[in-house]
């Protein structure tokens, strides 16, 4: 049996920490609240580590993460949906039509960047 994670309500499968569904990027995230800085970290298994400075109280860390990722992906906050995990460190996010991809995601997806009407700008981090 293949080891994969179920996503969404449509029953499609995500074989790694991220995948495209049309122009929507689906991310499995391991959140780390109360960190020293906001940062996109490394992949661990089928999750991307994302650290945020906000404390984990009443979903505030998740809200802060969504605002941070909106800036990183070049989208509006409303373009990021928390599918599950608003009050948990294990989350799944759906990002509609990202304009930039952090390097860890761009490297992983390689040639699988969807064709969009807007040019997709890849943000390279050093």
N, C-alpha and C. Protein backbone atom coordinates (compact mmCIF):
# COMPACT_ATOMS: atom_id res chain seq x y z
N UNK A 1 0.85 -1.18 0.00
CA UNK A 1 0.00 0.00 0.00
C UNK A 1 0.89 1.24 0.00
N UNK A 2 0.55 2.21 -0.83
CA UNK A 2 1.33 3.44 -0.94
C UNK A 2 1.12 4.31 0.28
N UNK A 3 2.19 4.93 0.76
CA UNK A 3 2.13 5.79 1.93
C UNK A 3 1.90 7.22 1.46
N UNK A 4 0.68 7.72 1.60
CA UNK A 4 0.37 9.08 1.18
C UNK A 4 -0.66 9.69 2.12
N UNK A 5 -0.83 11.00 2.01
CA UNK A 5 -1.74 11.73 2.87
C UNK A 5 -2.94 12.18 2.05
N UNK A 6 -4.15 12.02 2.58
CA UNK A 6 -5.36 12.46 1.89
C UNK A 6 -5.51 13.96 2.03
N UNK A 7 -5.99 14.61 0.99
CA UNK A 7 -6.23 16.04 1.07
C UNK A 7 -7.62 16.38 0.58
N UNK A 8 -8.10 17.48 1.07
CA UNK A 8 -9.35 18.05 0.59
C UNK A 8 -10.54 17.11 0.72
N UNK A 9 -11.65 17.55 0.21
CA UNK A 9 -12.87 16.75 0.26
C UNK A 9 -13.04 15.92 -0.99
N UNK A 10 -12.25 16.20 -2.02
CA UNK A 10 -12.39 15.48 -3.28
C UNK A 10 -11.66 14.14 -3.26
N UNK A 11 -10.83 13.91 -2.22
CA UNK A 11 -10.16 12.64 -2.11
C UNK A 11 -8.89 12.53 -2.93
N UNK A 12 -8.36 13.64 -3.45
CA UNK A 12 -7.11 13.57 -4.16
C UNK A 12 -5.99 13.32 -3.16
N UNK A 13 -4.84 12.85 -3.64
CA UNK A 13 -3.78 12.47 -2.72
C UNK A 13 -2.56 13.35 -2.87
N UNK A 14 -1.90 13.57 -1.77
CA UNK A 14 -0.69 14.36 -1.72
C UNK A 14 0.43 13.41 -1.30
N UNK A 15 1.37 13.13 -2.22
CA UNK A 15 2.44 12.17 -1.94
C UNK A 15 3.64 12.80 -1.28
N UNK A 16 3.63 14.10 -1.06
CA UNK A 16 4.73 14.79 -0.39
C UNK A 16 4.14 15.95 0.40
N UNK A 17 4.98 16.93 0.76
CA UNK A 17 4.49 18.04 1.56
C UNK A 17 3.72 19.06 0.74
N UNK A 18 3.82 19.02 -0.60
CA UNK A 18 3.09 19.99 -1.42
C UNK A 18 2.71 19.38 -2.76
N UNK A 19 1.66 19.95 -3.34
CA UNK A 19 1.19 19.50 -4.66
C UNK A 19 0.31 20.59 -5.25
N UNK A 20 0.24 20.59 -6.57
CA UNK A 20 -0.66 21.50 -7.26
C UNK A 20 -2.01 20.83 -7.47
N UNK A 21 -3.08 21.58 -7.28
CA UNK A 21 -4.43 21.22 -7.71
C UNK A 21 -4.89 22.37 -8.57
N UNK A 22 -4.68 22.25 -9.86
CA UNK A 22 -4.94 23.36 -10.77
C UNK A 22 -3.96 24.47 -10.46
N UNK A 23 -4.47 25.66 -10.17
CA UNK A 23 -3.62 26.79 -9.82
C UNK A 23 -3.50 26.99 -8.31
N UNK A 24 -3.97 26.02 -7.55
CA UNK A 24 -3.91 26.07 -6.09
C UNK A 24 -2.79 25.18 -5.59
N UNK A 25 -1.94 25.73 -4.73
CA UNK A 25 -0.86 24.98 -4.10
C UNK A 25 -1.36 24.46 -2.76
N UNK A 26 -1.26 23.16 -2.55
CA UNK A 26 -1.68 22.53 -1.30
C UNK A 26 -0.42 22.21 -0.51
N UNK A 27 -0.37 22.67 0.74
CA UNK A 27 0.81 22.46 1.61
C UNK A 27 0.42 21.76 2.89
N UNK A 28 1.18 20.73 3.25
CA UNK A 28 1.08 20.14 4.57
C UNK A 28 2.16 20.80 5.41
N UNK A 29 1.77 21.33 6.57
CA UNK A 29 2.66 22.16 7.38
C UNK A 29 2.77 21.60 8.79
N UNK A 30 3.98 21.69 9.33
CA UNK A 30 4.21 21.47 10.75
C UNK A 30 4.56 22.84 11.32
N UNK A 31 3.63 23.44 12.05
CA UNK A 31 3.82 24.78 12.60
C UNK A 31 4.65 24.75 13.87
N UNK A 32 5.46 25.78 14.03
CA UNK A 32 6.26 25.93 15.25
C UNK A 32 6.01 27.33 15.80
N UNK A 33 5.03 27.47 16.70
CA UNK A 33 4.71 28.78 17.27
C UNK A 33 5.73 29.20 18.31
N UNK A 34 5.76 30.49 18.61
CA UNK A 34 6.64 31.02 19.66
C UNK A 34 8.11 30.98 19.28
N UNK A 35 8.42 31.00 18.02
CA UNK A 35 9.81 30.95 17.54
C UNK A 35 10.45 32.33 17.64
N UNK A 36 11.75 32.38 17.45
CA UNK A 36 12.48 33.64 17.48
C UNK A 36 12.21 34.53 16.28
N UNK A 37 11.84 33.90 15.14
CA UNK A 37 11.52 34.68 13.93
C UNK A 37 10.59 33.87 13.05
N UNK A 38 9.90 34.57 12.16
CA UNK A 38 9.05 33.91 11.18
C UNK A 38 9.96 33.35 10.09
N UNK A 39 9.80 32.06 9.77
CA UNK A 39 10.67 31.45 8.77
C UNK A 39 10.05 30.19 8.18
N UNK A 40 10.35 29.97 6.91
CA UNK A 40 10.00 28.72 6.26
C UNK A 40 11.23 27.84 6.36
N UNK A 41 11.06 26.69 6.98
CA UNK A 41 12.19 25.81 7.25
C UNK A 41 12.32 24.69 6.24
N UNK A 42 12.81 23.57 6.73
CA UNK A 42 13.06 22.40 5.89
C UNK A 42 11.87 21.46 5.91
N UNK A 43 11.90 20.54 4.97
CA UNK A 43 10.87 19.51 4.89
C UNK A 43 11.22 18.39 5.86
N UNK A 44 10.21 17.92 6.57
CA UNK A 44 10.38 16.78 7.46
C UNK A 44 9.27 15.80 7.14
N UNK A 45 9.63 14.71 6.48
CA UNK A 45 8.62 13.73 6.07
C UNK A 45 7.69 14.33 5.04
N UNK A 46 6.40 14.35 5.36
CA UNK A 46 5.39 14.90 4.46
C UNK A 46 4.88 16.25 4.94
N UNK A 47 5.75 17.01 5.66
CA UNK A 47 5.35 18.33 6.15
C UNK A 47 6.50 19.32 5.96
N UNK A 48 6.11 20.57 5.75
CA UNK A 48 7.06 21.68 5.67
C UNK A 48 7.05 22.40 7.01
N UNK A 49 8.23 22.55 7.62
CA UNK A 49 8.33 23.26 8.90
C UNK A 49 8.20 24.77 8.66
N UNK A 50 7.29 25.39 9.38
CA UNK A 50 7.12 26.84 9.31
C UNK A 50 7.06 27.37 10.73
N UNK A 51 7.99 28.25 11.07
CA UNK A 51 8.07 28.84 12.40
C UNK A 51 7.46 30.24 12.38
N UNK A 52 6.75 30.57 13.45
CA UNK A 52 6.19 31.91 13.59
C UNK A 52 6.43 32.41 15.02
N UNK A 53 6.49 33.71 15.17
CA UNK A 53 6.78 34.32 16.46
C UNK A 53 5.58 34.36 17.39
N UNK A 54 4.39 34.29 16.86
CA UNK A 54 3.16 34.40 17.67
C UNK A 54 2.99 33.18 18.57
N UNK A 55 2.39 33.39 19.74
CA UNK A 55 2.12 32.30 20.67
C UNK A 55 0.86 31.53 20.25
N UNK A 56 0.80 30.25 20.62
CA UNK A 56 -0.33 29.42 20.19
C UNK A 56 -1.55 29.57 21.10
N UNK A 57 -2.20 30.71 21.02
CA UNK A 57 -3.38 30.96 21.84
C UNK A 57 -4.55 31.30 20.92
N UNK A 58 -5.61 30.52 21.02
CA UNK A 58 -6.87 30.78 20.30
C UNK A 58 -6.68 30.95 18.79
N UNK A 59 -5.76 30.21 18.20
CA UNK A 59 -5.55 30.27 16.75
C UNK A 59 -4.75 31.46 16.26
N UNK A 60 -4.21 32.27 17.18
CA UNK A 60 -3.46 33.46 16.77
C UNK A 60 -2.19 33.09 16.00
N UNK A 61 -1.53 31.99 16.37
CA UNK A 61 -0.31 31.58 15.66
C UNK A 61 -0.64 31.20 14.22
N UNK A 62 -1.75 30.52 14.01
CA UNK A 62 -2.16 30.15 12.65
C UNK A 62 -2.51 31.40 11.84
N UNK A 63 -3.23 32.34 12.44
CA UNK A 63 -3.56 33.58 11.74
C UNK A 63 -2.29 34.33 11.35
N UNK A 64 -1.32 34.37 12.27
CA UNK A 64 -0.05 35.03 11.99
C UNK A 64 0.68 34.31 10.86
N UNK A 65 0.66 32.97 10.87
CA UNK A 65 1.31 32.19 9.83
C UNK A 65 0.69 32.49 8.46
N UNK A 66 -0.62 32.59 8.41
CA UNK A 66 -1.31 32.89 7.14
C UNK A 66 -0.87 34.27 6.63
N UNK A 67 -0.80 35.26 7.50
CA UNK A 67 -0.35 36.60 7.07
C UNK A 67 1.10 36.56 6.58
N UNK A 68 1.96 35.85 7.29
CA UNK A 68 3.37 35.70 6.90
C UNK A 68 3.47 35.01 5.54
N UNK A 69 2.74 33.92 5.35
CA UNK A 69 2.81 33.19 4.08
C UNK A 69 2.21 33.98 2.93
N UNK A 70 1.20 34.79 3.20
CA UNK A 70 0.62 35.63 2.15
C UNK A 70 1.70 36.54 1.56
N UNK A 71 2.52 37.13 2.43
CA UNK A 71 3.63 37.97 1.95
C UNK A 71 4.65 37.14 1.18
N UNK A 72 4.99 35.97 1.69
CA UNK A 72 6.00 35.11 1.06
C UNK A 72 5.56 34.61 -0.33
N UNK A 73 4.28 34.33 -0.49
CA UNK A 73 3.77 33.79 -1.75
C UNK A 73 3.21 34.88 -2.67
N UNK A 74 3.17 36.12 -2.21
CA UNK A 74 2.67 37.22 -3.04
C UNK A 74 1.18 37.15 -3.29
N UNK A 75 0.42 36.76 -2.28
CA UNK A 75 -1.03 36.67 -2.42
C UNK A 75 -1.70 37.45 -1.29
N UNK A 76 -2.99 37.64 -1.41
CA UNK A 76 -3.77 38.25 -0.33
C UNK A 76 -4.05 37.20 0.73
N UNK A 77 -4.26 37.64 1.95
CA UNK A 77 -4.57 36.73 3.06
C UNK A 77 -5.79 35.87 2.71
N UNK A 78 -6.77 36.44 2.05
CA UNK A 78 -7.99 35.70 1.69
C UNK A 78 -7.73 34.58 0.69
N UNK A 79 -6.56 34.58 0.04
CA UNK A 79 -6.22 33.53 -0.92
C UNK A 79 -5.61 32.30 -0.27
N UNK A 80 -5.48 32.31 1.05
CA UNK A 80 -4.95 31.15 1.77
C UNK A 80 -6.05 30.60 2.67
N UNK A 81 -6.38 29.33 2.46
CA UNK A 81 -7.38 28.65 3.29
C UNK A 81 -6.69 27.64 4.19
N UNK A 82 -7.10 27.61 5.45
CA UNK A 82 -6.63 26.59 6.37
C UNK A 82 -7.65 25.46 6.29
N UNK A 83 -7.26 24.36 5.64
CA UNK A 83 -8.17 23.23 5.46
C UNK A 83 -8.41 22.55 6.80
N UNK A 84 -7.34 22.28 7.53
CA UNK A 84 -7.46 21.75 8.88
C UNK A 84 -6.23 22.17 9.68
N UNK A 85 -6.37 22.13 11.01
CA UNK A 85 -5.25 22.42 11.89
C UNK A 85 -5.18 23.84 12.41
N UNK A 86 -6.27 24.58 12.39
CA UNK A 86 -6.22 25.95 12.87
C UNK A 86 -5.74 26.03 14.32
N UNK A 87 -6.08 25.04 15.14
CA UNK A 87 -5.68 25.02 16.55
C UNK A 87 -4.69 23.90 16.84
N UNK A 88 -3.93 23.50 15.82
CA UNK A 88 -3.00 22.38 15.95
C UNK A 88 -1.72 22.70 15.18
N UNK A 89 -0.62 22.07 15.52
CA UNK A 89 0.63 22.31 14.79
C UNK A 89 0.62 21.64 13.42
N UNK A 90 -0.18 20.58 13.25
CA UNK A 90 -0.31 19.91 11.95
C UNK A 90 -1.43 20.58 11.17
N UNK A 91 -1.06 21.14 10.02
CA UNK A 91 -2.01 21.93 9.24
C UNK A 91 -1.96 21.55 7.78
N UNK A 92 -3.02 21.87 7.08
CA UNK A 92 -2.99 21.82 5.63
C UNK A 92 -3.53 23.16 5.12
N UNK A 93 -2.78 23.76 4.21
CA UNK A 93 -3.14 25.06 3.65
C UNK A 93 -3.33 24.94 2.15
N UNK A 94 -4.22 25.74 1.62
CA UNK A 94 -4.43 25.84 0.16
C UNK A 94 -4.18 27.30 -0.22
N UNK A 95 -3.24 27.50 -1.13
CA UNK A 95 -2.84 28.85 -1.54
C UNK A 95 -3.22 29.03 -3.01
N UNK A 96 -4.17 29.92 -3.26
CA UNK A 96 -4.66 30.15 -4.62
C UNK A 96 -3.71 31.04 -5.41
N UNK A 97 -3.30 30.57 -6.56
CA UNK A 97 -2.50 31.32 -7.54
C UNK A 97 -1.31 32.05 -6.92
N UNK A 98 -0.39 31.34 -6.27
CA UNK A 98 0.78 32.02 -5.69
C UNK A 98 1.60 32.71 -6.77
N UNK A 99 2.10 33.90 -6.46
CA UNK A 99 2.90 34.66 -7.42
C UNK A 99 4.39 34.38 -7.25
N UNK A 100 4.78 33.88 -6.07
CA UNK A 100 6.17 33.51 -5.79
C UNK A 100 6.17 32.19 -5.04
N UNK A 101 7.28 31.45 -5.18
CA UNK A 101 7.44 30.22 -4.42
C UNK A 101 8.73 30.30 -3.63
N UNK A 102 8.68 30.03 -2.32
CA UNK A 102 9.93 29.93 -1.56
C UNK A 102 10.80 28.83 -2.18
N UNK A 103 12.10 28.96 -2.05
CA UNK A 103 13.02 28.06 -2.76
C UNK A 103 12.79 26.59 -2.43
N UNK A 104 12.49 26.25 -1.18
CA UNK A 104 12.29 24.84 -0.84
C UNK A 104 11.13 24.23 -1.62
N UNK A 105 10.12 25.02 -1.90
CA UNK A 105 8.96 24.54 -2.65
C UNK A 105 9.28 24.53 -4.14
N UNK A 106 9.89 25.59 -4.64
CA UNK A 106 10.27 25.66 -6.05
C UNK A 106 11.18 24.52 -6.45
N UNK A 107 12.15 24.22 -5.60
CA UNK A 107 13.08 23.11 -5.90
C UNK A 107 12.34 21.78 -5.92
N UNK A 108 11.43 21.60 -4.99
CA UNK A 108 10.69 20.34 -4.91
C UNK A 108 9.77 20.15 -6.13
N UNK A 109 9.10 21.21 -6.54
CA UNK A 109 8.14 21.10 -7.63
C UNK A 109 8.80 21.06 -8.99
N UNK A 110 9.99 21.65 -9.11
CA UNK A 110 10.72 21.62 -10.38
C UNK A 110 9.89 22.13 -11.54
N UNK A 111 9.61 21.28 -12.48
CA UNK A 111 8.88 21.63 -13.71
C UNK A 111 7.37 21.62 -13.52
N UNK A 112 6.87 21.29 -12.32
CA UNK A 112 5.45 21.15 -12.12
C UNK A 112 4.73 22.46 -11.82
N UNK A 113 5.34 23.59 -12.15
CA UNK A 113 4.71 24.89 -11.91
C UNK A 113 3.57 25.05 -12.91
N UNK A 114 2.34 25.36 -12.45
CA UNK A 114 1.21 25.45 -13.37
C UNK A 114 1.32 26.65 -14.28
N UNK A 115 0.73 26.54 -15.44
CA UNK A 115 0.67 27.66 -16.37
C UNK A 115 -0.47 28.58 -15.93
N UNK A 116 -0.17 29.83 -15.69
CA UNK A 116 -1.19 30.78 -15.26
C UNK A 116 -1.20 31.96 -16.21
N UNK A 117 -2.25 32.74 -16.14
CA UNK A 117 -2.31 33.93 -16.99
C UNK A 117 -1.31 34.98 -16.52
N UNK A 118 -0.99 34.94 -15.21
CA UNK A 118 0.00 35.86 -14.65
C UNK A 118 1.34 35.14 -14.58
N UNK A 119 2.45 35.81 -14.82
CA UNK A 119 3.75 35.14 -14.70
C UNK A 119 4.02 34.80 -13.24
N UNK A 120 4.55 33.61 -13.01
CA UNK A 120 4.90 33.18 -11.67
C UNK A 120 6.34 33.56 -11.42
N UNK A 121 6.56 34.40 -10.40
CA UNK A 121 7.91 34.83 -10.07
C UNK A 121 8.43 33.97 -8.93
N UNK A 122 9.55 33.34 -9.15
CA UNK A 122 10.15 32.52 -8.11
C UNK A 122 11.09 33.36 -7.30
N UNK A 123 10.91 33.33 -5.99
CA UNK A 123 11.75 34.09 -5.07
C UNK A 123 12.87 33.17 -4.59
N UNK A 124 14.10 33.55 -4.88
CA UNK A 124 15.23 32.74 -4.50
C UNK A 124 15.79 33.26 -3.19
N UNK A 125 15.92 32.34 -2.21
CA UNK A 125 16.48 32.71 -0.91
C UNK A 125 17.89 32.17 -0.81
N UNK A 126 18.76 32.95 -0.25
CA UNK A 126 20.15 32.50 -0.04
C UNK A 126 20.48 32.46 1.40
